[in-house]
Amino acid sequence: MKIWMQCVSAILGVFILLCICTTEASAKTSYIHNAKYTYSYYLDLDMNSSVKESNFRYEYAKNTKEGTMWMISSAIGGSFSYEKQTANGYYEWQTTKSKILALPVKKNKQWTTTNSYDEKETRKIVSTKTNAKTPYKTFTNAVKVQIGKASAKHYDYFVAGYGKVLETKNGKIKYQLIQRYKD
């Protein structure tokens, strides 16, 4: 009986250790862009203006207390954006109020955040390993996040080391990674 209890204790110990290591590994996965590269994206501006779409360049600027700063430039102008990752989320845009991906990544995880327009937005992880086809490449390990209700058919796709690589709404591409390169 004593040997049996020792075996059960050993097995439980290994199981708990594996659970802790798995949780830590997923929490260590970084969605922050790799600062060694410059990124090019397509963006559907969805605006009532003569400029309906734009390609833009996303170039590392520096690390700050707000997060990693990126210089964004396009034919219609330039600005800065930040990205930051904590134990419970990946944040992007001009404010750290926008948690665009909840961490650790887990299917059906749902949260409410403030989007870049300062509006409340509900998000939900609907897949943790899906395909995201972009002009740069097809990612087979993307995290698919539903924005709003399922009927809106609005999704963001995230890949470790790349951040957001694709956004679709009603089947139309709104945002996508075109190229990643070293200058």
N, C-alpha and C. Protein backbone atom coordinates (compact mmCIF):
# COMPACT_ATOMS: atom_id res chain seq x y z
N MET A 1 0.83 -1.19 0.00
CA MET A 1 0.00 0.00 0.00
C MET A 1 0.87 1.26 0.00
N LYS A 2 1.97 1.22 0.77
CA LYS A 2 2.85 2.37 0.88
C LYS A 2 3.51 2.67 -0.49
N ILE A 3 3.94 1.63 -1.20
CA ILE A 3 4.57 1.80 -2.52
C ILE A 3 3.55 2.37 -3.51
N TRP A 4 2.33 1.86 -3.43
CA TRP A 4 1.27 2.36 -4.32
C TRP A 4 1.04 3.86 -4.09
N MET A 5 1.00 4.31 -2.84
CA MET A 5 0.80 5.73 -2.50
C MET A 5 1.97 6.57 -3.00
N GLN A 6 3.19 6.04 -2.91
CA GLN A 6 4.36 6.76 -3.40
C GLN A 6 4.28 6.92 -4.92
N CYS A 7 3.84 5.89 -5.61
CA CYS A 7 3.70 5.95 -7.07
C CYS A 7 2.64 6.99 -7.46
N VAL A 8 1.51 6.96 -6.77
CA VAL A 8 0.45 7.93 -7.05
C VAL A 8 0.96 9.35 -6.79
N SER A 9 1.67 9.54 -5.69
CA SER A 9 2.23 10.87 -5.36
C SER A 9 3.21 11.33 -6.43
N ALA A 10 4.07 10.40 -6.90
CA ALA A 10 5.04 10.74 -7.94
C ALA A 10 4.35 11.13 -9.24
N ILE A 11 3.34 10.36 -9.62
CA ILE A 11 2.60 10.65 -10.85
C ILE A 11 1.89 11.99 -10.75
N LEU A 12 1.25 12.26 -9.61
CA LEU A 12 0.58 13.56 -9.41
C LEU A 12 1.59 14.70 -9.45
N GLY A 13 2.76 14.49 -8.87
CA GLY A 13 3.80 15.51 -8.89
C GLY A 13 4.24 15.85 -10.30
N VAL A 14 4.46 14.83 -11.11
CA VAL A 14 4.85 15.03 -12.51
C VAL A 14 3.73 15.74 -13.27
N PHE A 15 2.47 15.33 -13.03
CA PHE A 15 1.33 15.96 -13.70
C PHE A 15 1.24 17.44 -13.35
N ILE A 16 1.39 17.78 -12.08
CA ILE A 16 1.32 19.19 -11.65
C ILE A 16 2.47 19.97 -12.27
N LEU A 17 3.66 19.40 -12.28
CA LEU A 17 4.81 20.06 -12.89
C LEU A 17 4.58 20.32 -14.37
N LEU A 18 4.02 19.34 -15.08
CA LEU A 18 3.72 19.52 -16.51
C LEU A 18 2.69 20.62 -16.71
N CYS A 19 1.68 20.68 -15.88
CA CYS A 19 0.66 21.73 -15.99
C CYS A 19 1.28 23.11 -15.79
N ILE A 20 2.14 23.24 -14.79
CA ILE A 20 2.80 24.52 -14.52
C ILE A 20 3.68 24.91 -15.70
N CYS A 21 4.48 23.97 -16.21
CA CYS A 21 5.36 24.27 -17.34
C CYS A 21 4.57 24.64 -18.58
N THR A 22 3.47 23.97 -18.84
CA THR A 22 2.64 24.28 -20.01
C THR A 22 2.05 25.67 -19.88
N THR A 23 1.57 26.02 -18.70
CA THR A 23 1.00 27.35 -18.48
C THR A 23 2.08 28.41 -18.65
N GLU A 24 3.26 28.19 -18.10
CA GLU A 24 4.34 29.16 -18.23
C GLU A 24 4.77 29.29 -19.68
N ALA A 25 4.82 28.20 -20.40
CA ALA A 25 5.24 28.26 -21.80
C ALA A 25 4.25 29.11 -22.60
N SER A 26 2.96 28.91 -22.38
CA SER A 26 1.98 29.69 -23.14
C SER A 26 2.02 31.15 -22.73
N ALA A 27 2.31 31.43 -21.45
CA ALA A 27 2.37 32.81 -21.00
C ALA A 27 3.62 33.49 -21.56
N LYS A 28 4.67 32.72 -21.87
CA LYS A 28 5.91 33.29 -22.40
C LYS A 28 5.85 33.53 -23.90
N THR A 29 4.84 33.01 -24.58
CA THR A 29 4.71 33.23 -26.02
C THR A 29 4.50 34.72 -26.26
N SER A 30 5.35 35.32 -27.05
CA SER A 30 5.27 36.75 -27.30
C SER A 30 4.63 37.05 -28.66
N TYR A 31 3.66 37.94 -28.64
CA TYR A 31 3.02 38.38 -29.87
C TYR A 31 3.61 39.72 -30.34
N ILE A 32 4.58 40.23 -29.60
CA ILE A 32 5.27 41.46 -29.96
C ILE A 32 6.01 41.23 -31.28
N HIS A 33 5.94 42.21 -32.18
CA HIS A 33 6.70 42.12 -33.43
C HIS A 33 8.19 41.98 -33.14
N ASN A 34 8.91 41.32 -34.00
CA ASN A 34 10.35 41.19 -33.88
C ASN A 34 10.98 42.50 -34.35
N ALA A 35 11.69 43.18 -33.46
CA ALA A 35 12.26 44.50 -33.75
C ALA A 35 13.37 44.46 -34.79
N LYS A 36 13.84 43.29 -35.15
CA LYS A 36 14.89 43.17 -36.17
C LYS A 36 14.34 43.36 -37.58
N TYR A 37 13.01 43.40 -37.70
CA TYR A 37 12.38 43.47 -39.02
C TYR A 37 11.52 44.72 -39.16
N THR A 38 11.28 45.07 -40.41
CA THR A 38 10.30 46.09 -40.78
C THR A 38 9.15 45.35 -41.45
N TYR A 39 7.94 45.84 -41.25
CA TYR A 39 6.74 45.17 -41.74
C TYR A 39 5.97 46.08 -42.67
N SER A 40 5.38 45.51 -43.71
CA SER A 40 4.50 46.26 -44.60
C SER A 40 3.11 45.65 -44.50
N TYR A 41 2.10 46.52 -44.42
CA TYR A 41 0.71 46.08 -44.28
C TYR A 41 -0.19 46.79 -45.27
N TYR A 42 -1.28 46.15 -45.59
CA TYR A 42 -2.38 46.74 -46.34
C TYR A 42 -3.46 47.06 -45.31
N LEU A 43 -4.10 48.22 -45.48
CA LEU A 43 -5.18 48.63 -44.59
C LEU A 43 -6.32 49.20 -45.39
N ASP A 44 -7.52 48.64 -45.23
CA ASP A 44 -8.74 49.17 -45.81
C ASP A 44 -9.22 50.22 -44.81
N LEU A 45 -9.18 51.48 -45.20
CA LEU A 45 -9.48 52.57 -44.27
C LEU A 45 -10.95 52.68 -43.93
N ASP A 46 -11.82 52.16 -44.79
CA ASP A 46 -13.25 52.13 -44.50
C ASP A 46 -13.76 53.52 -44.09
N MET A 47 -13.30 54.52 -44.83
CA MET A 47 -13.65 55.91 -44.50
C MET A 47 -14.43 56.54 -45.65
N ASN A 48 -15.18 57.57 -45.35
CA ASN A 48 -15.89 58.33 -46.38
C ASN A 48 -14.98 59.43 -46.91
N SER A 49 -13.96 59.03 -47.61
CA SER A 49 -13.02 59.99 -48.20
C SER A 49 -12.55 59.42 -49.54
N SER A 50 -11.76 60.20 -50.23
CA SER A 50 -11.25 59.73 -51.51
C SER A 50 -10.22 58.63 -51.32
N VAL A 51 -9.58 58.57 -50.16
CA VAL A 51 -8.59 57.54 -49.88
C VAL A 51 -9.30 56.39 -49.16
N LYS A 52 -9.44 55.27 -49.82
CA LYS A 52 -10.17 54.12 -49.27
C LYS A 52 -9.25 53.06 -48.68
N GLU A 53 -8.00 53.02 -49.14
CA GLU A 53 -7.07 52.01 -48.66
C GLU A 53 -5.66 52.56 -48.69
N SER A 54 -4.77 51.90 -47.98
CA SER A 54 -3.39 52.36 -47.91
C SER A 54 -2.47 51.20 -47.58
N ASN A 55 -1.26 51.27 -48.07
CA ASN A 55 -0.21 50.39 -47.62
C ASN A 55 0.63 51.20 -46.66
N PHE A 56 1.08 50.59 -45.59
CA PHE A 56 1.91 51.33 -44.67
C PHE A 56 3.06 50.48 -44.16
N ARG A 57 4.05 51.17 -43.64
CA ARG A 57 5.28 50.56 -43.16
C ARG A 57 5.31 50.67 -41.64
N TYR A 58 5.70 49.61 -40.99
CA TYR A 58 5.72 49.51 -39.53
C TYR A 58 7.17 49.25 -39.15
N GLU A 59 7.86 50.27 -38.62
CA GLU A 59 9.30 50.19 -38.39
C GLU A 59 9.62 50.44 -36.91
N TYR A 60 10.48 49.59 -36.34
CA TYR A 60 10.85 49.72 -34.93
C TYR A 60 11.45 51.09 -34.66
N ALA A 61 11.02 51.74 -33.58
CA ALA A 61 11.58 53.03 -33.18
C ALA A 61 12.41 52.88 -31.90
N LYS A 62 11.75 52.45 -30.80
CA LYS A 62 12.48 52.27 -29.54
C LYS A 62 11.57 51.63 -28.50
N ASN A 63 12.17 51.18 -27.41
CA ASN A 63 11.40 50.67 -26.28
C ASN A 63 11.17 51.81 -25.29
N THR A 64 9.96 51.92 -24.80
CA THR A 64 9.61 52.97 -23.86
C THR A 64 8.85 52.35 -22.69
N LYS A 65 8.52 53.16 -21.70
CA LYS A 65 7.75 52.63 -20.57
C LYS A 65 6.33 52.26 -21.00
N GLU A 66 5.82 52.84 -22.10
CA GLU A 66 4.50 52.49 -22.62
C GLU A 66 4.51 51.18 -23.39
N GLY A 67 5.69 50.76 -23.82
CA GLY A 67 5.83 49.54 -24.60
C GLY A 67 6.81 49.74 -25.75
N THR A 68 6.76 48.86 -26.71
CA THR A 68 7.62 48.97 -27.88
C THR A 68 6.99 49.98 -28.83
N MET A 69 7.75 51.01 -29.20
CA MET A 69 7.25 52.06 -30.08
C MET A 69 7.63 51.73 -31.52
N TRP A 70 6.64 51.89 -32.42
CA TRP A 70 6.85 51.65 -33.85
C TRP A 70 6.49 52.91 -34.62
N MET A 71 7.28 53.24 -35.63
CA MET A 71 6.98 54.35 -36.51
C MET A 71 6.15 53.80 -37.67
N ILE A 72 5.00 54.43 -37.91
CA ILE A 72 4.11 54.00 -38.99
C ILE A 72 4.14 55.08 -40.06
N SER A 73 4.40 54.69 -41.29
CA SER A 73 4.43 55.67 -42.38
C SER A 73 3.68 55.13 -43.59
N SER A 74 3.01 56.04 -44.29
CA SER A 74 2.28 55.69 -45.50
C SER A 74 2.19 56.93 -46.39
N ALA A 75 1.57 56.76 -47.54
CA ALA A 75 1.40 57.88 -48.47
C ALA A 75 0.49 58.96 -47.88
N ILE A 76 -0.35 58.60 -46.90
CA ILE A 76 -1.27 59.60 -46.33
C ILE A 76 -0.75 60.19 -45.02
N GLY A 77 0.46 59.85 -44.64
CA GLY A 77 1.05 60.43 -43.43
C GLY A 77 1.72 59.41 -42.55
N GLY A 78 2.08 59.87 -41.35
CA GLY A 78 2.77 58.98 -40.43
C GLY A 78 2.33 59.22 -38.99
N SER A 79 2.65 58.27 -38.15
CA SER A 79 2.34 58.39 -36.73
C SER A 79 3.16 57.35 -35.97
N PHE A 80 2.89 57.24 -34.70
CA PHE A 80 3.54 56.23 -33.88
C PHE A 80 2.49 55.31 -33.29
N SER A 81 2.89 54.09 -33.03
CA SER A 81 2.03 53.12 -32.38
C SER A 81 2.87 52.38 -31.35
N TYR A 82 2.21 51.86 -30.35
CA TYR A 82 2.88 51.09 -29.32
C TYR A 82 2.29 49.69 -29.27
N GLU A 83 3.09 48.76 -28.82
CA GLU A 83 2.57 47.44 -28.49
C GLU A 83 3.22 47.01 -27.20
N LYS A 84 2.47 46.27 -26.43
CA LYS A 84 2.92 45.86 -25.11
C LYS A 84 2.27 44.52 -24.79
N GLN A 85 3.00 43.68 -24.08
CA GLN A 85 2.43 42.41 -23.65
C GLN A 85 2.66 42.24 -22.16
N THR A 86 1.60 41.86 -21.46
CA THR A 86 1.67 41.55 -20.03
C THR A 86 1.26 40.09 -19.86
N ALA A 87 1.22 39.62 -18.65
CA ALA A 87 0.82 38.24 -18.39
C ALA A 87 -0.62 37.98 -18.81
N ASN A 88 -1.46 39.03 -18.85
CA ASN A 88 -2.87 38.80 -19.17
C ASN A 88 -3.33 39.41 -20.49
N GLY A 89 -2.42 39.99 -21.28
CA GLY A 89 -2.88 40.52 -22.55
C GLY A 89 -1.80 41.10 -23.45
N TYR A 90 -2.16 41.18 -24.73
CA TYR A 90 -1.34 41.83 -25.75
C TYR A 90 -2.10 43.08 -26.16
N TYR A 91 -1.43 44.22 -26.11
CA TYR A 91 -2.04 45.52 -26.37
C TYR A 91 -1.35 46.16 -27.56
N GLU A 92 -2.14 46.87 -28.37
CA GLU A 92 -1.57 47.54 -29.53
C GLU A 92 -2.34 48.81 -29.82
N TRP A 93 -1.80 49.70 -30.56
CA TRP A 93 -2.30 51.00 -30.99
C TRP A 93 -1.75 52.10 -30.12
N GLN A 94 -2.43 53.22 -30.05
CA GLN A 94 -1.91 54.38 -29.33
C GLN A 94 -2.25 54.34 -27.85
N THR A 95 -2.96 53.34 -27.39
CA THR A 95 -3.33 53.29 -25.99
C THR A 95 -3.20 51.87 -25.46
N THR A 96 -2.81 51.75 -24.22
CA THR A 96 -2.72 50.41 -23.63
C THR A 96 -4.07 49.98 -23.08
N LYS A 97 -5.12 50.76 -23.34
CA LYS A 97 -6.47 50.34 -22.96
C LYS A 97 -6.99 49.26 -23.90
N SER A 98 -6.40 49.16 -25.09
CA SER A 98 -6.87 48.21 -26.11
C SER A 98 -6.19 46.86 -25.97
N LYS A 99 -6.82 45.97 -25.19
CA LYS A 99 -6.31 44.60 -25.09
C LYS A 99 -6.89 43.85 -26.28
N ILE A 100 -6.06 43.66 -27.31
CA ILE A 100 -6.58 43.05 -28.52
C ILE A 100 -6.47 41.53 -28.50
N LEU A 101 -5.69 41.00 -27.55
CA LEU A 101 -5.59 39.55 -27.38
C LEU A 101 -5.41 39.24 -25.90
N ALA A 102 -6.31 38.45 -25.33
CA ALA A 102 -6.21 38.05 -23.93
C ALA A 102 -5.23 36.89 -23.81
N LEU A 103 -4.43 36.92 -22.76
CA LEU A 103 -3.46 35.87 -22.50
C LEU A 103 -3.71 35.26 -21.13
N PRO A 104 -3.34 34.00 -20.91
CA PRO A 104 -2.87 33.08 -21.93
C PRO A 104 -3.98 32.74 -22.92
N VAL A 105 -3.57 32.40 -24.12
CA VAL A 105 -4.51 32.09 -25.20
C VAL A 105 -5.25 30.80 -24.85
N LYS A 106 -6.57 30.88 -24.87
CA LYS A 106 -7.41 29.73 -24.56
C LYS A 106 -8.71 29.86 -25.35
N LYS A 107 -9.10 28.80 -26.06
CA LYS A 107 -10.32 28.83 -26.86
C LYS A 107 -11.52 29.19 -25.98
N ASN A 108 -12.40 30.02 -26.52
CA ASN A 108 -13.64 30.52 -25.90
C ASN A 108 -13.41 31.57 -24.81
N LYS A 109 -12.16 32.00 -24.60
CA LYS A 109 -11.90 33.08 -23.65
C LYS A 109 -12.52 34.36 -24.21
N GLN A 110 -13.26 35.07 -23.39
CA GLN A 110 -13.96 36.29 -23.83
C GLN A 110 -13.60 37.44 -22.90
N TRP A 111 -13.51 38.65 -23.45
CA TRP A 111 -13.21 39.84 -22.66
C TRP A 111 -13.78 41.07 -23.34
N THR A 112 -13.88 42.14 -22.57
CA THR A 112 -14.32 43.42 -23.10
C THR A 112 -13.15 44.38 -23.00
N THR A 113 -12.95 45.15 -24.05
CA THR A 113 -11.83 46.10 -24.09
C THR A 113 -12.31 47.41 -24.70
N THR A 114 -11.42 48.37 -24.75
CA THR A 114 -11.69 49.64 -25.41
C THR A 114 -10.89 49.65 -26.71
N ASN A 115 -11.57 49.85 -27.85
CA ASN A 115 -10.86 49.82 -29.12
C ASN A 115 -10.18 51.16 -29.41
N SER A 116 -9.55 51.27 -30.57
CA SER A 116 -8.79 52.47 -30.92
C SER A 116 -9.69 53.70 -31.12
N TYR A 117 -11.01 53.50 -31.23
CA TYR A 117 -11.96 54.62 -31.33
C TYR A 117 -12.55 54.99 -29.97
N ASP A 118 -11.98 54.40 -28.91
CA ASP A 118 -12.43 54.64 -27.53
C ASP A 118 -13.83 54.11 -27.28
N GLU A 119 -14.20 53.03 -27.99
CA GLU A 119 -15.50 52.39 -27.82
C GLU A 119 -15.30 51.03 -27.15
N LYS A 120 -16.29 50.61 -26.36
CA LYS A 120 -16.25 49.29 -25.74
C LYS A 120 -16.44 48.23 -26.83
N GLU A 121 -15.71 47.13 -26.70
CA GLU A 121 -15.74 46.08 -27.70
C GLU A 121 -15.57 44.73 -27.01
N THR A 122 -16.38 43.76 -27.40
CA THR A 122 -16.27 42.40 -26.88
C THR A 122 -15.45 41.57 -27.85
N ARG A 123 -14.54 40.77 -27.31
CA ARG A 123 -13.69 39.90 -28.12
C ARG A 123 -13.73 38.49 -27.55
N LYS A 124 -13.53 37.51 -28.44
CA LYS A 124 -13.57 36.12 -28.01
C LYS A 124 -12.60 35.30 -28.88
N ILE A 125 -11.79 34.47 -28.25
CA ILE A 125 -10.90 33.58 -28.98
C ILE A 125 -11.73 32.40 -29.48
N VAL A 126 -11.83 32.26 -30.79
CA VAL A 126 -12.64 31.18 -31.37
C VAL A 126 -11.78 30.01 -31.88
N SER A 127 -10.48 30.24 -32.06
CA SER A 127 -9.57 29.16 -32.46
C SER A 127 -8.16 29.51 -32.02
N THR A 128 -7.43 28.50 -31.59
CA THR A 128 -6.05 28.74 -31.15
C THR A 128 -5.02 28.26 -32.17
N LYS A 129 -5.48 27.62 -33.22
CA LYS A 129 -4.55 27.14 -34.25
C LYS A 129 -5.30 27.06 -35.57
N THR A 130 -5.31 28.18 -36.29
CA THR A 130 -6.02 28.24 -37.56
C THR A 130 -5.10 28.82 -38.62
N ASN A 131 -5.52 28.76 -39.87
CA ASN A 131 -4.75 29.33 -40.98
C ASN A 131 -5.11 30.79 -41.17
N ALA A 132 -4.08 31.59 -41.47
CA ALA A 132 -4.26 33.00 -41.81
C ALA A 132 -3.44 33.24 -43.08
N LYS A 133 -4.13 33.40 -44.21
CA LYS A 133 -3.45 33.56 -45.50
C LYS A 133 -3.22 35.05 -45.77
N THR A 134 -1.95 35.42 -45.92
CA THR A 134 -1.58 36.80 -46.24
C THR A 134 -0.67 36.78 -47.46
N PRO A 135 -0.44 37.92 -48.10
CA PRO A 135 0.51 37.95 -49.22
C PRO A 135 1.93 37.55 -48.81
N TYR A 136 2.28 37.80 -47.55
CA TYR A 136 3.61 37.44 -47.05
C TYR A 136 3.76 35.92 -46.98
N LYS A 137 2.80 35.26 -46.34
CA LYS A 137 2.80 33.80 -46.25
C LYS A 137 1.51 33.34 -45.58
N THR A 138 1.26 32.06 -45.65
CA THR A 138 0.12 31.48 -44.94
C THR A 138 0.63 30.96 -43.60
N PHE A 139 0.06 31.49 -42.54
CA PHE A 139 0.40 31.06 -41.19
C PHE A 139 -0.55 29.93 -40.81
N THR A 140 -0.02 28.86 -40.27
CA THR A 140 -0.86 27.72 -39.89
C THR A 140 -1.12 27.65 -38.39
N ASN A 141 -0.56 28.60 -37.65
CA ASN A 141 -0.67 28.56 -36.20
C ASN A 141 -1.25 29.86 -35.64
N ALA A 142 -2.16 30.47 -36.36
CA ALA A 142 -2.72 31.75 -35.94
C ALA A 142 -3.82 31.57 -34.89
N VAL A 143 -3.96 32.58 -34.04
CA VAL A 143 -5.04 32.64 -33.07
C VAL A 143 -6.13 33.52 -33.68
N LYS A 144 -7.35 32.99 -33.77
CA LYS A 144 -8.47 33.71 -34.39
C LYS A 144 -9.35 34.31 -33.29
N VAL A 145 -9.55 35.62 -33.36
CA VAL A 145 -10.33 36.34 -32.36
C VAL A 145 -11.54 36.98 -33.03
N GLN A 146 -12.71 36.66 -32.51
CA GLN A 146 -13.97 37.25 -32.99
C GLN A 146 -14.15 38.62 -32.34
N ILE A 147 -14.50 39.61 -33.15
CA ILE A 147 -14.74 40.96 -32.65
C ILE A 147 -16.24 41.20 -32.71
N GLY A 148 -16.85 41.47 -31.57
CA GLY A 148 -18.30 41.67 -31.52
C GLY A 148 -19.03 40.34 -31.62
N LYS A 149 -20.27 40.41 -32.07
CA LYS A 149 -21.10 39.20 -32.18
C LYS A 149 -20.67 38.36 -33.37
N ALA A 150 -20.93 37.06 -33.28
CA ALA A 150 -20.56 36.14 -34.37
C ALA A 150 -21.21 36.57 -35.69
N SER A 151 -22.40 37.15 -35.62
CA SER A 151 -23.11 37.57 -36.83
C SER A 151 -22.37 38.69 -37.57
N ALA A 152 -21.49 39.40 -36.88
CA ALA A 152 -20.72 40.47 -37.52
C ALA A 152 -19.63 39.92 -38.44
N LYS A 153 -19.25 38.66 -38.23
CA LYS A 153 -18.20 38.01 -39.03
C LYS A 153 -16.95 38.89 -39.13
N HIS A 154 -16.51 39.39 -37.99
CA HIS A 154 -15.35 40.27 -37.90
C HIS A 154 -14.28 39.57 -37.06
N TYR A 155 -13.09 39.34 -37.65
CA TYR A 155 -12.06 38.54 -36.99
C TYR A 155 -10.68 39.17 -37.13
N ASP A 156 -9.89 39.05 -36.06
CA ASP A 156 -8.46 39.35 -36.07
C ASP A 156 -7.71 38.04 -35.96
N TYR A 157 -6.53 37.97 -36.59
CA TYR A 157 -5.68 36.78 -36.54
C TYR A 157 -4.30 37.21 -36.02
N PHE A 158 -3.81 36.52 -34.99
CA PHE A 158 -2.54 36.85 -34.36
C PHE A 158 -1.57 35.68 -34.47
N VAL A 159 -0.27 36.02 -34.64
CA VAL A 159 0.77 35.01 -34.71
C VAL A 159 1.93 35.46 -33.82
N ALA A 160 2.46 34.52 -33.04
CA ALA A 160 3.59 34.82 -32.17
C ALA A 160 4.74 35.43 -32.97
N GLY A 161 5.31 36.52 -32.46
CA GLY A 161 6.43 37.19 -33.12
C GLY A 161 6.03 38.10 -34.27
N TYR A 162 4.73 38.15 -34.60
CA TYR A 162 4.24 38.98 -35.70
C TYR A 162 3.12 39.92 -35.27
N GLY A 163 2.49 39.67 -34.14
CA GLY A 163 1.32 40.45 -33.75
C GLY A 163 0.13 40.12 -34.62
N LYS A 164 -0.67 41.14 -34.94
CA LYS A 164 -1.84 40.93 -35.80
C LYS A 164 -1.37 40.86 -37.25
N VAL A 165 -1.74 39.76 -37.93
CA VAL A 165 -1.31 39.57 -39.32
C VAL A 165 -2.45 39.72 -40.31
N LEU A 166 -3.70 39.63 -39.82
CA LEU A 166 -4.85 39.66 -40.72
C LEU A 166 -6.10 40.09 -39.96
N GLU A 167 -6.95 40.86 -40.64
CA GLU A 167 -8.28 41.20 -40.11
C GLU A 167 -9.26 41.08 -41.26
N THR A 168 -10.37 40.39 -41.00
CA THR A 168 -11.42 40.25 -42.01
C THR A 168 -12.75 40.67 -41.40
N LYS A 169 -13.61 41.19 -42.27
CA LYS A 169 -14.96 41.56 -41.85
C LYS A 169 -15.89 41.20 -42.99
N ASN A 170 -16.88 40.34 -42.70
CA ASN A 170 -17.80 39.82 -43.72
C ASN A 170 -17.06 39.24 -44.91
N GLY A 171 -15.93 38.56 -44.63
CA GLY A 171 -15.16 37.91 -45.67
C GLY A 171 -14.23 38.84 -46.43
N LYS A 172 -14.29 40.13 -46.16
CA LYS A 172 -13.44 41.11 -46.85
C LYS A 172 -12.20 41.40 -46.01
N ILE A 173 -11.05 41.46 -46.67
CA ILE A 173 -9.80 41.77 -45.97
C ILE A 173 -9.76 43.25 -45.63
N LYS A 174 -9.57 43.52 -44.32
CA LYS A 174 -9.49 44.90 -43.83
C LYS A 174 -8.05 45.29 -43.52
N TYR A 175 -7.22 44.28 -43.22
CA TYR A 175 -5.84 44.53 -42.79
C TYR A 175 -5.07 43.24 -43.01
N GLN A 176 -3.85 43.33 -43.57
CA GLN A 176 -3.06 42.12 -43.75
C GLN A 176 -1.58 42.44 -43.89
N LEU A 177 -0.77 41.50 -43.44
CA LEU A 177 0.68 41.58 -43.57
C LEU A 177 1.05 41.31 -45.02
N ILE A 178 1.78 42.23 -45.63
CA ILE A 178 2.22 42.07 -47.01
C ILE A 178 3.64 41.50 -47.08
N GLN A 179 4.51 42.06 -46.20
CA GLN A 179 5.91 41.66 -46.27
C GLN A 179 6.59 41.92 -44.93
N ARG A 180 7.59 41.10 -44.63
CA ARG A 180 8.48 41.34 -43.48
C ARG A 180 9.88 41.28 -44.01
N TYR A 181 10.70 42.26 -43.70
CA TYR A 181 12.06 42.29 -44.25
C TYR A 181 13.01 43.03 -43.32
N LYS A 182 14.29 42.79 -43.53
CA LYS A 182 15.33 43.54 -42.83
C LYS A 182 15.79 44.66 -43.74
N ASP A 183 15.97 45.83 -43.17
CA ASP A 183 16.43 46.97 -43.99
C ASP A 183 17.91 46.84 -44.33
